[in-house]
Amino acid sequence: MPHSILLKLVTFVSLAFFQSTSFAEESAEQFFAHYLDSYNAHDPVAASQHYHQEVMITGVGSTPRLLSNEQMKQFLAGFLASQKSNDIVSFEWASMNVFSLSDKVAIASNIASRSNSQGEFIENAAGTFIANRINNQWKIVSLNIHASENVIAQ
């Protein structure tokens, strides 16, 4: 994603979802670690709780979609079921790059390694997230799925 588009998206998300809240105990890094724990539990309900009531999903070659939390839960249920049926049972951050824009906005550009039930590496998947601290909790408001080589790193 070109940097100018990313900056416009960050500005939009920050203005659209910025709310006055106190500083929560959980850091953005901890939040994204817990997020991946819900994938390892193959729990779409727990995974969906990491998302805002509405979330923008974009990806390579796809039209951006605004999903409700219920739609996101259904999307995650299908995704996690397909991963399990393909014997992908474990997810681990191979690379986690979290950038705090303020105490209420963070960008995470991460690579997740996927492994099978024998612990063998299967593939990497990458995504860039925008998370806002809303009501004293981090929530993902935007997810862009992209190639691993396009991860934003320090």
N, C-alpha and C. Protein backbone atom coordinates (compact mmCIF):
# COMPACT_ATOMS: atom_id res chain seq x y z
N MET A 1 0.87 -1.16 0.00
CA MET A 1 0.00 0.00 0.00
C MET A 1 0.92 1.22 0.00
N PRO A 2 0.79 2.13 -0.95
CA PRO A 2 1.62 3.32 -0.96
C PRO A 2 1.45 4.11 0.34
N HIS A 3 2.55 4.76 0.76
CA HIS A 3 2.53 5.47 2.04
C HIS A 3 1.49 6.58 2.09
N SER A 4 1.22 7.28 0.97
CA SER A 4 0.22 8.35 0.98
C SER A 4 -1.18 7.80 1.23
N ILE A 5 -1.48 6.63 0.67
CA ILE A 5 -2.78 6.01 0.91
C ILE A 5 -2.87 5.55 2.36
N LEU A 6 -1.79 4.99 2.89
CA LEU A 6 -1.76 4.55 4.28
C LEU A 6 -1.99 5.73 5.22
N LEU A 7 -1.36 6.86 4.95
CA LEU A 7 -1.54 8.04 5.79
C LEU A 7 -2.98 8.54 5.74
N LYS A 8 -3.58 8.51 4.55
CA LYS A 8 -4.98 8.92 4.43
C LYS A 8 -5.89 7.98 5.21
N LEU A 9 -5.60 6.68 5.13
CA LEU A 9 -6.40 5.70 5.86
C LEU A 9 -6.25 5.89 7.37
N VAL A 10 -5.03 6.12 7.82
CA VAL A 10 -4.80 6.35 9.25
C VAL A 10 -5.55 7.59 9.71
N THR A 11 -5.51 8.65 8.92
CA THR A 11 -6.22 9.87 9.28
C THR A 11 -7.72 9.62 9.35
N PHE A 12 -8.26 8.92 8.35
CA PHE A 12 -9.69 8.62 8.34
C PHE A 12 -10.08 7.80 9.57
N VAL A 13 -9.33 6.73 9.82
CA VAL A 13 -9.67 5.85 10.93
C VAL A 13 -9.53 6.59 12.25
N SER A 14 -8.49 7.38 12.38
CA SER A 14 -8.30 8.12 13.63
C SER A 14 -9.43 9.10 13.87
N LEU A 15 -9.84 9.80 12.85
CA LEU A 15 -10.93 10.76 13.02
C LEU A 15 -12.26 10.07 13.21
N ALA A 16 -12.47 8.96 12.51
CA ALA A 16 -13.76 8.28 12.58
C ALA A 16 -13.98 7.59 13.92
N PHE A 17 -12.91 7.08 14.52
CA PHE A 17 -13.09 6.27 15.71
C PHE A 17 -12.41 6.83 16.96
N PHE A 18 -11.79 7.99 16.86
CA PHE A 18 -11.08 8.56 18.00
C PHE A 18 -12.08 8.93 19.09
N GLN A 19 -11.87 8.39 20.26
CA GLN A 19 -12.73 8.69 21.39
C GLN A 19 -11.83 8.96 22.60
N SER A 20 -12.34 9.75 23.53
CA SER A 20 -11.59 10.07 24.73
C SER A 20 -11.66 8.91 25.71
N THR A 21 -10.51 8.27 25.96
CA THR A 21 -10.44 7.18 26.92
C THR A 21 -9.16 7.30 27.71
N SER A 22 -9.10 6.65 28.83
CA SER A 22 -7.88 6.66 29.63
C SER A 22 -6.93 5.61 29.08
N PHE A 23 -5.68 5.70 29.48
CA PHE A 23 -4.65 4.79 29.00
C PHE A 23 -4.84 3.41 29.62
N ALA A 24 -5.01 2.41 28.80
CA ALA A 24 -5.23 1.05 29.29
C ALA A 24 -3.90 0.40 29.67
N GLU A 25 -4.01 -0.63 30.45
CA GLU A 25 -2.82 -1.36 30.89
C GLU A 25 -2.16 -2.12 29.75
N GLU A 26 -2.97 -2.69 28.88
CA GLU A 26 -2.45 -3.54 27.81
C GLU A 26 -1.80 -2.70 26.71
N SER A 27 -0.59 -3.04 26.34
CA SER A 27 0.08 -2.35 25.24
C SER A 27 -0.45 -2.89 23.92
N ALA A 28 -0.18 -2.17 22.86
CA ALA A 28 -0.58 -2.63 21.53
C ALA A 28 0.09 -3.95 21.19
N GLU A 29 1.35 -4.12 21.60
CA GLU A 29 2.07 -5.37 21.34
C GLU A 29 1.38 -6.54 22.05
N GLN A 30 0.99 -6.33 23.31
CA GLN A 30 0.30 -7.38 24.05
C GLN A 30 -1.05 -7.70 23.40
N PHE A 31 -1.73 -6.67 22.96
CA PHE A 31 -3.02 -6.85 22.29
C PHE A 31 -2.87 -7.77 21.07
N PHE A 32 -1.87 -7.53 20.24
CA PHE A 32 -1.70 -8.35 19.03
C PHE A 32 -1.23 -9.76 19.37
N ALA A 33 -0.50 -9.93 20.47
CA ALA A 33 -0.15 -11.28 20.93
C ALA A 33 -1.41 -12.03 21.36
N HIS A 34 -2.30 -11.38 22.10
CA HIS A 34 -3.56 -12.01 22.52
C HIS A 34 -4.44 -12.31 21.32
N TYR A 35 -4.41 -11.42 20.34
CA TYR A 35 -5.18 -11.63 19.11
C TYR A 35 -4.78 -12.95 18.46
N LEU A 36 -3.48 -13.19 18.35
CA LEU A 36 -3.02 -14.43 17.71
C LEU A 36 -3.34 -15.65 18.58
N ASP A 37 -3.38 -15.48 19.89
CA ASP A 37 -3.78 -16.59 20.79
C ASP A 37 -5.17 -17.09 20.42
N SER A 38 -6.09 -16.18 20.07
CA SER A 38 -7.45 -16.59 19.71
C SER A 38 -7.46 -17.40 18.42
N TYR A 39 -6.51 -17.13 17.52
CA TYR A 39 -6.39 -17.94 16.30
C TYR A 39 -5.91 -19.34 16.66
N ASN A 40 -4.93 -19.42 17.57
CA ASN A 40 -4.42 -20.73 17.98
C ASN A 40 -5.47 -21.55 18.71
N ALA A 41 -6.42 -20.88 19.33
CA ALA A 41 -7.53 -21.58 19.99
C ALA A 41 -8.63 -21.92 18.98
N HIS A 42 -8.48 -21.47 17.75
CA HIS A 42 -9.49 -21.66 16.69
C HIS A 42 -10.85 -21.19 17.18
N ASP A 43 -10.83 -20.00 17.80
CA ASP A 43 -12.03 -19.45 18.43
C ASP A 43 -12.44 -18.16 17.72
N PRO A 44 -13.39 -18.25 16.77
CA PRO A 44 -13.79 -17.06 16.02
C PRO A 44 -14.47 -16.01 16.90
N VAL A 45 -15.13 -16.42 17.96
CA VAL A 45 -15.77 -15.46 18.86
C VAL A 45 -14.70 -14.63 19.57
N ALA A 46 -13.69 -15.31 20.12
CA ALA A 46 -12.59 -14.59 20.79
C ALA A 46 -11.83 -13.72 19.80
N ALA A 47 -11.58 -14.23 18.59
CA ALA A 47 -10.87 -13.44 17.59
C ALA A 47 -11.67 -12.21 17.20
N SER A 48 -13.00 -12.37 17.05
CA SER A 48 -13.83 -11.23 16.64
C SER A 48 -13.90 -10.15 17.71
N GLN A 49 -13.66 -10.51 18.96
CA GLN A 49 -13.70 -9.53 20.04
C GLN A 49 -12.52 -8.56 19.96
N HIS A 50 -11.55 -8.85 19.13
CA HIS A 50 -10.42 -7.95 18.93
C HIS A 50 -10.73 -6.87 17.89
N TYR A 51 -11.89 -6.99 17.25
CA TYR A 51 -12.28 -6.05 16.20
C TYR A 51 -13.32 -5.06 16.71
N HIS A 52 -13.31 -3.88 16.13
CA HIS A 52 -14.31 -2.86 16.42
C HIS A 52 -15.67 -3.32 15.90
N GLN A 53 -16.72 -2.62 16.26
CA GLN A 53 -18.07 -2.96 15.80
C GLN A 53 -18.16 -3.00 14.28
N GLU A 54 -17.37 -2.17 13.62
CA GLU A 54 -17.24 -2.20 12.17
C GLU A 54 -15.76 -2.19 11.85
N VAL A 55 -15.37 -2.96 10.85
CA VAL A 55 -13.97 -3.05 10.46
C VAL A 55 -13.86 -3.03 8.95
N MET A 56 -12.87 -2.30 8.46
CA MET A 56 -12.60 -2.22 7.02
C MET A 56 -11.58 -3.31 6.68
N ILE A 57 -11.94 -4.17 5.74
CA ILE A 57 -11.05 -5.24 5.28
C ILE A 57 -10.68 -4.95 3.84
N THR A 58 -9.39 -4.93 3.56
CA THR A 58 -8.91 -4.77 2.20
C THR A 58 -7.87 -5.85 1.95
N GLY A 59 -7.60 -6.11 0.69
CA GLY A 59 -6.60 -7.11 0.36
C GLY A 59 -6.19 -7.01 -1.08
N VAL A 60 -5.21 -7.81 -1.41
CA VAL A 60 -4.68 -7.82 -2.76
C VAL A 60 -5.80 -8.20 -3.72
N GLY A 61 -6.12 -7.29 -4.64
CA GLY A 61 -7.10 -7.57 -5.68
C GLY A 61 -8.54 -7.63 -5.22
N SER A 62 -8.83 -7.23 -3.99
CA SER A 62 -10.22 -7.28 -3.54
C SER A 62 -10.75 -5.87 -3.31
N THR A 63 -12.05 -5.76 -3.38
CA THR A 63 -12.71 -4.50 -3.10
C THR A 63 -12.80 -4.31 -1.59
N PRO A 64 -12.47 -3.14 -1.08
CA PRO A 64 -12.59 -2.93 0.37
C PRO A 64 -14.02 -3.21 0.84
N ARG A 65 -14.12 -3.85 2.01
CA ARG A 65 -15.42 -4.18 2.58
C ARG A 65 -15.48 -3.68 4.02
N LEU A 66 -16.61 -3.14 4.38
CA LEU A 66 -16.87 -2.74 5.76
C LEU A 66 -17.73 -3.84 6.36
N LEU A 67 -17.19 -4.54 7.36
CA LEU A 67 -17.90 -5.65 7.98
C LEU A 67 -18.34 -5.29 9.39
N SER A 68 -19.54 -5.72 9.75
CA SER A 68 -19.98 -5.60 11.13
C SER A 68 -19.23 -6.64 11.96
N ASN A 69 -19.28 -6.51 13.27
CA ASN A 69 -18.62 -7.49 14.12
C ASN A 69 -19.20 -8.88 13.89
N GLU A 70 -20.50 -8.98 13.69
CA GLU A 70 -21.13 -10.29 13.43
C GLU A 70 -20.63 -10.87 12.10
N GLN A 71 -20.52 -10.03 11.07
CA GLN A 71 -19.99 -10.49 9.78
C GLN A 71 -18.53 -10.91 9.92
N MET A 72 -17.78 -10.17 10.73
CA MET A 72 -16.37 -10.51 10.96
C MET A 72 -16.27 -11.85 11.67
N LYS A 73 -17.14 -12.09 12.63
CA LYS A 73 -17.16 -13.37 13.35
C LYS A 73 -17.42 -14.51 12.37
N GLN A 74 -18.36 -14.32 11.44
CA GLN A 74 -18.65 -15.34 10.43
C GLN A 74 -17.46 -15.55 9.49
N PHE A 75 -16.84 -14.43 9.09
CA PHE A 75 -15.65 -14.50 8.23
C PHE A 75 -14.54 -15.29 8.93
N LEU A 76 -14.30 -14.98 10.20
CA LEU A 76 -13.25 -15.66 10.96
C LEU A 76 -13.58 -17.13 11.18
N ALA A 77 -14.85 -17.45 11.41
CA ALA A 77 -15.24 -18.85 11.58
C ALA A 77 -14.93 -19.64 10.32
N GLY A 78 -15.26 -19.09 9.16
CA GLY A 78 -14.95 -19.75 7.89
C GLY A 78 -13.46 -19.87 7.66
N PHE A 79 -12.73 -18.79 7.96
CA PHE A 79 -11.28 -18.80 7.78
C PHE A 79 -10.63 -19.85 8.67
N LEU A 80 -10.95 -19.83 9.96
CA LEU A 80 -10.32 -20.77 10.89
C LEU A 80 -10.70 -22.22 10.57
N ALA A 81 -11.94 -22.45 10.15
CA ALA A 81 -12.35 -23.80 9.76
C ALA A 81 -11.57 -24.27 8.53
N SER A 82 -11.37 -23.37 7.56
CA SER A 82 -10.61 -23.76 6.36
C SER A 82 -9.16 -24.04 6.71
N GLN A 83 -8.59 -23.27 7.64
CA GLN A 83 -7.21 -23.52 8.05
C GLN A 83 -7.10 -24.89 8.71
N LYS A 84 -8.03 -25.18 9.61
CA LYS A 84 -8.00 -26.47 10.31
C LYS A 84 -8.19 -27.63 9.35
N SER A 85 -9.08 -27.47 8.36
CA SER A 85 -9.30 -28.54 7.39
C SER A 85 -8.08 -28.76 6.50
N ASN A 86 -7.22 -27.75 6.40
CA ASN A 86 -5.97 -27.87 5.65
C ASN A 86 -4.80 -28.20 6.57
N ASP A 87 -5.12 -28.65 7.79
CA ASP A 87 -4.13 -29.05 8.80
C ASP A 87 -3.21 -27.90 9.21
N ILE A 88 -3.70 -26.68 9.12
CA ILE A 88 -2.97 -25.54 9.67
C ILE A 88 -3.57 -25.29 11.05
N VAL A 89 -2.79 -25.60 12.08
CA VAL A 89 -3.32 -25.57 13.43
C VAL A 89 -2.60 -24.59 14.35
N SER A 90 -1.52 -24.00 13.87
CA SER A 90 -0.73 -23.12 14.73
C SER A 90 -0.35 -21.85 13.97
N PHE A 91 -0.45 -20.73 14.68
CA PHE A 91 -0.09 -19.42 14.14
C PHE A 91 0.91 -18.77 15.08
N GLU A 92 1.93 -18.15 14.52
CA GLU A 92 2.94 -17.46 15.33
C GLU A 92 3.40 -16.22 14.58
N TRP A 93 3.60 -15.12 15.31
CA TRP A 93 4.12 -13.93 14.65
C TRP A 93 5.58 -14.16 14.29
N ALA A 94 5.88 -14.24 13.02
CA ALA A 94 7.26 -14.33 12.54
C ALA A 94 7.90 -12.95 12.59
N SER A 95 7.06 -11.95 12.42
CA SER A 95 7.50 -10.56 12.46
C SER A 95 6.34 -9.72 12.97
N MET A 96 6.59 -8.91 13.99
CA MET A 96 5.56 -8.03 14.52
C MET A 96 6.16 -6.63 14.63
N ASN A 97 5.63 -5.72 13.83
CA ASN A 97 6.11 -4.34 13.79
C ASN A 97 4.96 -3.42 14.20
N VAL A 98 5.00 -2.96 15.44
CA VAL A 98 3.93 -2.12 15.96
C VAL A 98 4.44 -0.70 16.11
N PHE A 99 3.69 0.23 15.54
CA PHE A 99 4.05 1.65 15.58
C PHE A 99 2.93 2.40 16.30
N SER A 100 3.25 3.03 17.39
CA SER A 100 2.25 3.82 18.11
C SER A 100 2.23 5.22 17.51
N LEU A 101 1.07 5.64 17.03
CA LEU A 101 0.91 6.99 16.52
C LEU A 101 0.51 7.94 17.64
N SER A 102 -0.12 7.38 18.66
CA SER A 102 -0.48 8.10 19.88
C SER A 102 -0.84 7.04 20.90
N ASP A 103 -1.30 7.45 22.08
CA ASP A 103 -1.70 6.43 23.06
C ASP A 103 -3.04 5.79 22.69
N LYS A 104 -3.66 6.24 21.59
CA LYS A 104 -4.96 5.70 21.17
C LYS A 104 -4.96 5.11 19.77
N VAL A 105 -3.86 5.22 19.04
CA VAL A 105 -3.80 4.72 17.66
C VAL A 105 -2.47 4.00 17.44
N ALA A 106 -2.55 2.78 16.88
CA ALA A 106 -1.35 2.03 16.55
C ALA A 106 -1.53 1.35 15.20
N ILE A 107 -0.42 1.21 14.50
CA ILE A 107 -0.37 0.44 13.26
C ILE A 107 0.51 -0.77 13.54
N ALA A 108 0.04 -1.95 13.13
CA ALA A 108 0.85 -3.16 13.25
C ALA A 108 0.94 -3.78 11.87
N SER A 109 2.14 -4.02 11.42
CA SER A 109 2.37 -4.65 10.13
C SER A 109 3.12 -5.95 10.40
N ASN A 110 2.40 -7.06 10.33
CA ASN A 110 2.90 -8.31 10.86
C ASN A 110 2.91 -9.43 9.84
N ILE A 111 3.77 -10.41 10.10
CA ILE A 111 3.79 -11.65 9.32
C ILE A 111 3.49 -12.79 10.29
N ALA A 112 2.50 -13.59 9.95
CA ALA A 112 2.16 -14.76 10.75
C ALA A 112 2.62 -16.01 10.02
N SER A 113 3.35 -16.86 10.74
CA SER A 113 3.75 -18.17 10.21
C SER A 113 2.67 -19.17 10.58
N ARG A 114 2.32 -20.00 9.62
CA ARG A 114 1.30 -21.03 9.84
C ARG A 114 1.98 -22.40 9.78
N SER A 115 1.63 -23.24 10.77
CA SER A 115 2.23 -24.57 10.87
C SER A 115 1.15 -25.64 10.95
N ASN A 116 1.52 -26.87 10.57
CA ASN A 116 0.57 -27.98 10.61
C ASN A 116 0.64 -28.70 11.96
N SER A 117 -0.13 -29.77 12.09
CA SER A 117 -0.22 -30.50 13.36
C SER A 117 1.10 -31.21 13.72
N GLN A 118 2.01 -31.39 12.76
CA GLN A 118 3.33 -31.96 13.04
C GLN A 118 4.35 -30.88 13.38
N GLY A 119 3.91 -29.61 13.42
CA GLY A 119 4.80 -28.50 13.74
C GLY A 119 5.62 -28.03 12.56
N GLU A 120 5.29 -28.50 11.36
CA GLU A 120 6.02 -28.11 10.17
C GLU A 120 5.48 -26.78 9.63
N PHE A 121 6.40 -25.91 9.23
CA PHE A 121 6.02 -24.63 8.63
C PHE A 121 5.28 -24.90 7.32
N ILE A 122 4.14 -24.21 7.13
CA ILE A 122 3.36 -24.34 5.89
C ILE A 122 3.49 -23.09 5.04
N GLU A 123 3.21 -21.93 5.64
CA GLU A 123 3.24 -20.69 4.86
C GLU A 123 3.24 -19.49 5.79
N ASN A 124 3.56 -18.34 5.20
CA ASN A 124 3.44 -17.06 5.88
C ASN A 124 2.24 -16.31 5.33
N ALA A 125 1.64 -15.51 6.17
CA ALA A 125 0.58 -14.60 5.76
C ALA A 125 0.88 -13.25 6.39
N ALA A 126 0.57 -12.19 5.68
CA ALA A 126 0.90 -10.86 6.20
C ALA A 126 -0.31 -9.96 6.19
N GLY A 127 -0.31 -9.04 7.12
CA GLY A 127 -1.38 -8.06 7.20
C GLY A 127 -0.91 -6.82 7.93
N THR A 128 -1.52 -5.71 7.58
CA THR A 128 -1.27 -4.45 8.29
C THR A 128 -2.58 -4.03 8.92
N PHE A 129 -2.54 -3.78 10.20
CA PHE A 129 -3.71 -3.47 11.01
C PHE A 129 -3.63 -2.04 11.51
N ILE A 130 -4.77 -1.42 11.65
CA ILE A 130 -4.85 -0.16 12.40
C ILE A 130 -5.75 -0.45 13.58
N ALA A 131 -5.26 -0.15 14.76
CA ALA A 131 -6.02 -0.39 15.99
C ALA A 131 -6.18 0.93 16.73
N ASN A 132 -7.35 1.09 17.31
CA ASN A 132 -7.65 2.26 18.13
C ASN A 132 -7.98 1.79 19.54
N ARG A 133 -7.59 2.59 20.51
CA ARG A 133 -7.99 2.33 21.89
C ARG A 133 -9.36 2.97 22.07
N ILE A 134 -10.37 2.12 22.25
CA ILE A 134 -11.76 2.57 22.36
C ILE A 134 -12.32 2.02 23.67
N ASN A 135 -12.89 2.89 24.47
CA ASN A 135 -13.42 2.48 25.77
C ASN A 135 -12.39 1.69 26.57
N ASN A 136 -11.16 2.20 26.53
CA ASN A 136 -10.04 1.66 27.29
C ASN A 136 -9.58 0.28 26.82
N GLN A 137 -9.93 -0.10 25.58
CA GLN A 137 -9.50 -1.38 25.01
C GLN A 137 -9.05 -1.16 23.57
N TRP A 138 -8.02 -1.88 23.17
CA TRP A 138 -7.61 -1.85 21.77
C TRP A 138 -8.63 -2.60 20.93
N LYS A 139 -8.94 -2.05 19.77
CA LYS A 139 -9.82 -2.69 18.80
C LYS A 139 -9.25 -2.47 17.41
N ILE A 140 -9.25 -3.52 16.59
CA ILE A 140 -8.80 -3.40 15.20
C ILE A 140 -9.93 -2.74 14.42
N VAL A 141 -9.60 -1.66 13.71
CA VAL A 141 -10.60 -0.95 12.91
C VAL A 141 -10.36 -1.14 11.41
N SER A 142 -9.15 -1.61 11.06
CA SER A 142 -8.82 -1.82 9.66
C SER A 142 -7.79 -2.94 9.53
N LEU A 143 -7.99 -3.78 8.53
CA LEU A 143 -7.05 -4.87 8.23
C LEU A 143 -6.82 -4.89 6.72
N ASN A 144 -5.55 -4.83 6.34
CA ASN A 144 -5.17 -4.97 4.95
C ASN A 144 -4.32 -6.21 4.82
N ILE A 145 -4.80 -7.18 4.05
CA ILE A 145 -4.06 -8.42 3.83
C ILE A 145 -3.19 -8.22 2.59
N HIS A 146 -1.91 -8.55 2.71
CA HIS A 146 -0.98 -8.29 1.61
C HIS A 146 0.18 -9.27 1.64
N ALA A 147 1.04 -9.16 0.65
CA ALA A 147 2.21 -10.02 0.54
C ALA A 147 3.21 -9.70 1.66
N SER A 148 3.91 -10.72 2.10
CA SER A 148 4.88 -10.57 3.20
C SER A 148 5.95 -9.53 2.92
N GLU A 149 6.36 -9.42 1.66
CA GLU A 149 7.42 -8.46 1.33
C GLU A 149 6.96 -7.00 1.44
N ASN A 150 5.65 -6.79 1.62
CA ASN A 150 5.14 -5.43 1.74
C ASN A 150 4.87 -5.00 3.18
N VAL A 151 5.36 -5.78 4.14
CA VAL A 151 5.21 -5.42 5.54
C VAL A 151 5.99 -4.14 5.81
N ILE A 152 5.39 -3.28 6.61
CA ILE A 152 6.06 -2.04 7.02
C ILE A 152 6.94 -2.38 8.21
N ALA A 153 8.23 -2.14 8.09
CA ALA A 153 9.18 -2.47 9.16
C ALA A 153 10.00 -1.25 9.51
N GLN A 154 10.55 -1.28 10.69
CA GLN A 154 11.38 -0.15 11.16
C GLN A 154 12.72 -0.17 10.48
